[in-house]
Amino acid sequence: MRNADTLSPLRKALLTAHVASAVSVLGTDLVLLVLGISSVGGADPRTIYPAADLIATWLLAPLAILALAPACCWGSLPTGACSGTGG
């Protein structure tokens, strides 16, 4: 396995983006878990469901895509498929 010092700058950037967005997805899931527990505990559903919907729509979905995109693109970088140039 290569040392972290020998990684290319592009690979470091992709790895950083992947790890940061994956950790953000976990944090967003934790927020949704807290909202779900509070709704079971008797919180007003008219408050909980719209908040959970906004978090899932505007945070969770884009972060999940962002977490997967660097991993998907890294495998296709040598062929240029990620940039749309083919190869």
N, C-alpha and C. Protein backbone atom coordinates (compact mmCIF):
# COMPACT_ATOMS: atom_id res chain seq x y z
N MET A 1 0.84 -1.18 0.00
CA MET A 1 0.00 0.00 0.00
C MET A 1 0.88 1.24 0.00
N ARG A 2 0.45 2.24 -0.73
CA ARG A 2 1.24 3.45 -0.83
C ARG A 2 1.08 4.32 0.40
N ASN A 3 2.10 5.08 0.67
CA ASN A 3 2.09 6.02 1.78
C ASN A 3 1.23 7.23 1.40
N ALA A 4 0.65 7.89 2.40
CA ALA A 4 -0.20 9.05 2.14
C ALA A 4 0.58 10.18 1.49
N ASP A 5 1.90 10.20 1.70
CA ASP A 5 2.72 11.25 1.09
C ASP A 5 2.87 11.06 -0.41
N THR A 6 2.66 9.86 -0.90
CA THR A 6 2.83 9.61 -2.32
C THR A 6 1.54 9.73 -3.11
N LEU A 7 0.43 10.05 -2.47
CA LEU A 7 -0.83 10.21 -3.17
C LEU A 7 -0.82 11.48 -4.01
N SER A 8 -1.45 11.41 -5.16
CA SER A 8 -1.52 12.59 -6.01
C SER A 8 -2.46 13.61 -5.37
N PRO A 9 -2.31 14.88 -5.73
CA PRO A 9 -3.20 15.91 -5.16
C PRO A 9 -4.67 15.66 -5.50
N LEU A 10 -4.93 15.13 -6.69
CA LEU A 10 -6.32 14.85 -7.06
C LEU A 10 -6.89 13.75 -6.18
N ARG A 11 -6.11 12.71 -5.95
CA ARG A 11 -6.59 11.61 -5.10
C ARG A 11 -6.81 12.09 -3.67
N LYS A 12 -5.93 12.95 -3.16
CA LYS A 12 -6.11 13.50 -1.82
C LYS A 12 -7.40 14.32 -1.74
N ALA A 13 -7.66 15.11 -2.77
CA ALA A 13 -8.88 15.93 -2.79
C ALA A 13 -10.12 15.06 -2.84
N LEU A 14 -10.10 14.01 -3.67
CA LEU A 14 -11.25 13.11 -3.75
C LEU A 14 -11.46 12.36 -2.44
N LEU A 15 -10.38 11.93 -1.83
CA LEU A 15 -10.49 11.22 -0.55
C LEU A 15 -11.02 12.14 0.54
N THR A 16 -10.54 13.38 0.57
CA THR A 16 -11.02 14.34 1.55
C THR A 16 -12.50 14.64 1.36
N ALA A 17 -12.92 14.84 0.10
CA ALA A 17 -14.34 15.10 -0.18
C ALA A 17 -15.20 13.90 0.22
N HIS A 18 -14.72 12.71 -0.07
CA HIS A 18 -15.48 11.50 0.27
C HIS A 18 -15.64 11.34 1.78
N VAL A 19 -14.55 11.49 2.52
CA VAL A 19 -14.61 11.30 3.97
C VAL A 19 -15.46 12.39 4.62
N ALA A 20 -15.28 13.64 4.21
CA ALA A 20 -16.06 14.74 4.80
C ALA A 20 -17.55 14.57 4.54
N SER A 21 -17.91 14.21 3.32
CA SER A 21 -19.33 14.07 3.02
C SER A 21 -19.92 12.82 3.67
N ALA A 22 -19.14 11.74 3.79
CA ALA A 22 -19.64 10.54 4.45
C ALA A 22 -19.88 10.78 5.93
N VAL A 23 -18.99 11.52 6.57
CA VAL A 23 -19.20 11.87 7.98
C VAL A 23 -20.41 12.79 8.12
N SER A 24 -20.60 13.68 7.17
CA SER A 24 -21.77 14.57 7.20
C SER A 24 -23.06 13.79 7.04
N VAL A 25 -23.04 12.73 6.22
CA VAL A 25 -24.23 11.88 6.08
C VAL A 25 -24.56 11.21 7.41
N LEU A 26 -23.53 10.75 8.11
CA LEU A 26 -23.78 10.14 9.42
C LEU A 26 -24.37 11.14 10.40
N GLY A 27 -23.88 12.38 10.38
CA GLY A 27 -24.43 13.41 11.25
C GLY A 27 -25.87 13.73 10.90
N THR A 28 -26.17 13.77 9.62
CA THR A 28 -27.54 14.04 9.18
C THR A 28 -28.47 12.90 9.59
N ASP A 29 -27.99 11.67 9.49
CA ASP A 29 -28.78 10.53 9.96
C ASP A 29 -29.06 10.63 11.45
N LEU A 30 -28.08 11.10 12.20
CA LEU A 30 -28.27 11.27 13.63
C LEU A 30 -29.35 12.31 13.92
N VAL A 31 -29.37 13.38 13.15
CA VAL A 31 -30.42 14.40 13.31
C VAL A 31 -31.79 13.81 13.02
N LEU A 32 -31.89 13.01 11.96
CA LEU A 32 -33.17 12.37 11.63
C LEU A 32 -33.58 11.37 12.71
N LEU A 33 -32.62 10.69 13.30
CA LEU A 33 -32.92 9.77 14.41
C LEU A 33 -33.46 10.53 15.61
N VAL A 34 -32.87 11.66 15.93
CA VAL A 34 -33.36 12.48 17.05
C VAL A 34 -34.77 12.99 16.77
N LEU A 35 -35.02 13.40 15.53
CA LEU A 35 -36.38 13.83 15.19
C LEU A 35 -37.37 12.68 15.31
N GLY A 36 -36.98 11.48 14.88
CA GLY A 36 -37.87 10.33 15.00
C GLY A 36 -38.14 9.96 16.44
N ILE A 37 -37.11 10.01 17.28
CA ILE A 37 -37.30 9.69 18.70
C ILE A 37 -38.18 10.74 19.36
N SER A 38 -38.01 12.00 18.99
CA SER A 38 -38.85 13.04 19.59
C SER A 38 -40.30 12.91 19.14
N SER A 39 -40.53 12.41 17.92
CA SER A 39 -41.91 12.22 17.49
C SER A 39 -42.56 11.06 18.23
N VAL A 40 -41.80 10.03 18.53
CA VAL A 40 -42.33 8.92 19.33
C VAL A 40 -42.60 9.39 20.75
N GLY A 41 -41.78 10.33 21.22
CA GLY A 41 -41.95 10.86 22.57
C GLY A 41 -43.10 11.83 22.73
N GLY A 42 -43.79 12.14 21.66
CA GLY A 42 -44.98 12.97 21.77
C GLY A 42 -44.87 14.35 21.16
N ALA A 43 -43.83 14.62 20.41
CA ALA A 43 -43.71 15.92 19.75
C ALA A 43 -44.77 16.04 18.66
N ASP A 44 -45.09 17.25 18.32
CA ASP A 44 -46.13 17.52 17.33
C ASP A 44 -45.66 17.06 15.94
N PRO A 45 -46.40 16.15 15.31
CA PRO A 45 -46.01 15.68 13.98
C PRO A 45 -45.98 16.79 12.93
N ARG A 46 -46.78 17.84 13.14
CA ARG A 46 -46.78 18.96 12.18
C ARG A 46 -45.47 19.72 12.22
N THR A 47 -44.68 19.51 13.26
CA THR A 47 -43.37 20.14 13.36
C THR A 47 -42.28 19.18 12.90
N ILE A 48 -42.41 17.92 13.29
CA ILE A 48 -41.36 16.94 13.03
C ILE A 48 -41.28 16.54 11.57
N TYR A 49 -42.40 16.20 10.96
CA TYR A 49 -42.37 15.68 9.59
C TYR A 49 -41.86 16.69 8.57
N PRO A 50 -42.29 17.95 8.61
CA PRO A 50 -41.71 18.91 7.65
C PRO A 50 -40.21 19.13 7.87
N ALA A 51 -39.78 19.13 9.13
CA ALA A 51 -38.36 19.30 9.40
C ALA A 51 -37.57 18.11 8.87
N ALA A 52 -38.06 16.90 9.09
CA ALA A 52 -37.38 15.71 8.61
C ALA A 52 -37.36 15.68 7.08
N ASP A 53 -38.44 16.12 6.46
CA ASP A 53 -38.50 16.17 5.01
C ASP A 53 -37.49 17.16 4.44
N LEU A 54 -37.39 18.32 5.04
CA LEU A 54 -36.42 19.32 4.57
C LEU A 54 -34.98 18.82 4.75
N ILE A 55 -34.71 18.19 5.88
CA ILE A 55 -33.36 17.68 6.12
C ILE A 55 -33.02 16.57 5.13
N ALA A 56 -33.96 15.67 4.90
CA ALA A 56 -33.70 14.57 3.98
C ALA A 56 -33.55 15.07 2.54
N THR A 57 -34.37 16.05 2.16
CA THR A 57 -34.34 16.54 0.79
C THR A 57 -33.13 17.42 0.50
N TRP A 58 -32.87 18.37 1.38
CA TRP A 58 -31.84 19.37 1.09
C TRP A 58 -30.47 19.06 1.67
N LEU A 59 -30.38 18.11 2.59
CA LEU A 59 -29.07 17.75 3.16
C LEU A 59 -28.67 16.31 2.85
N LEU A 60 -29.52 15.38 3.21
CA LEU A 60 -29.14 13.97 3.13
C LEU A 60 -28.91 13.51 1.70
N ALA A 61 -29.83 13.79 0.81
CA ALA A 61 -29.70 13.31 -0.57
C ALA A 61 -28.46 13.90 -1.27
N PRO A 62 -28.24 15.21 -1.22
CA PRO A 62 -27.03 15.73 -1.88
C PRO A 62 -25.74 15.24 -1.22
N LEU A 63 -25.73 15.12 0.10
CA LEU A 63 -24.54 14.63 0.78
C LEU A 63 -24.25 13.17 0.42
N ALA A 64 -25.30 12.37 0.28
CA ALA A 64 -25.10 10.97 -0.09
C ALA A 64 -24.52 10.87 -1.50
N ILE A 65 -25.02 11.68 -2.40
CA ILE A 65 -24.48 11.69 -3.76
C ILE A 65 -23.03 12.17 -3.74
N LEU A 66 -22.76 13.21 -2.96
CA LEU A 66 -21.41 13.72 -2.86
C LEU A 66 -20.46 12.70 -2.22
N ALA A 67 -20.97 11.91 -1.30
CA ALA A 67 -20.14 10.89 -0.66
C ALA A 67 -19.79 9.78 -1.64
N LEU A 68 -20.68 9.47 -2.55
CA LEU A 68 -20.43 8.39 -3.50
C LEU A 68 -19.70 8.85 -4.76
N ALA A 69 -19.83 10.10 -5.12
CA ALA A 69 -19.26 10.60 -6.38
C ALA A 69 -17.74 10.45 -6.46
N PRO A 70 -16.97 10.82 -5.44
CA PRO A 70 -15.52 10.65 -5.58
C PRO A 70 -15.12 9.18 -5.73
N ALA A 71 -15.79 8.30 -5.03
CA ALA A 71 -15.47 6.88 -5.14
C ALA A 71 -15.80 6.35 -6.53
N CYS A 72 -16.90 6.80 -7.09
CA CYS A 72 -17.28 6.36 -8.44
C CYS A 72 -16.35 6.95 -9.49
N CYS A 73 -16.00 8.20 -9.32
CA CYS A 73 -15.15 8.86 -10.32
C CYS A 73 -13.73 8.38 -10.27
N TRP A 74 -13.24 7.99 -9.10
CA TRP A 74 -11.83 7.61 -9.03
C TRP A 74 -11.54 6.39 -9.89
N GLY A 75 -12.46 5.45 -9.92
CA GLY A 75 -12.23 4.27 -10.74
C GLY A 75 -12.24 4.56 -12.22
N SER A 76 -12.90 5.63 -12.63
CA SER A 76 -12.99 5.93 -14.06
C SER A 76 -12.06 7.07 -14.48
N LEU A 77 -11.29 7.63 -13.55
CA LEU A 77 -10.39 8.73 -13.92
C LEU A 77 -9.35 8.35 -14.96
N PRO A 78 -8.70 7.19 -14.86
CA PRO A 78 -7.71 6.88 -15.88
C PRO A 78 -8.29 6.81 -17.28
N THR A 79 -9.57 6.45 -17.42
CA THR A 79 -10.17 6.37 -18.74
C THR A 79 -10.79 7.68 -19.18
N GLY A 80 -10.96 8.61 -18.24
CA GLY A 80 -11.57 9.89 -18.59
C GLY A 80 -13.08 9.86 -18.60
N ALA A 81 -13.69 8.75 -18.17
CA ALA A 81 -15.14 8.63 -18.22
C ALA A 81 -15.82 9.59 -17.25
N CYS A 82 -15.15 9.93 -16.17
CA CYS A 82 -15.74 10.83 -15.19
C CYS A 82 -15.90 12.23 -15.75
N SER A 83 -14.95 12.67 -16.57
CA SER A 83 -15.02 14.01 -17.13
C SER A 83 -15.85 14.04 -18.41
N GLY A 84 -16.31 12.90 -18.86
CA GLY A 84 -17.14 12.86 -20.05
C GLY A 84 -16.35 12.80 -21.33
N THR A 85 -15.03 12.62 -21.25
CA THR A 85 -14.22 12.60 -22.45
C THR A 85 -14.08 11.21 -23.03
N GLY A 86 -14.51 10.21 -22.29
CA GLY A 86 -14.41 8.83 -22.76
C GLY A 86 -12.98 8.34 -22.75
N GLY A 87 -12.76 7.18 -23.30
CA GLY A 87 -11.37 6.73 -23.31
C GLY A 87 -11.15 5.35 -23.69
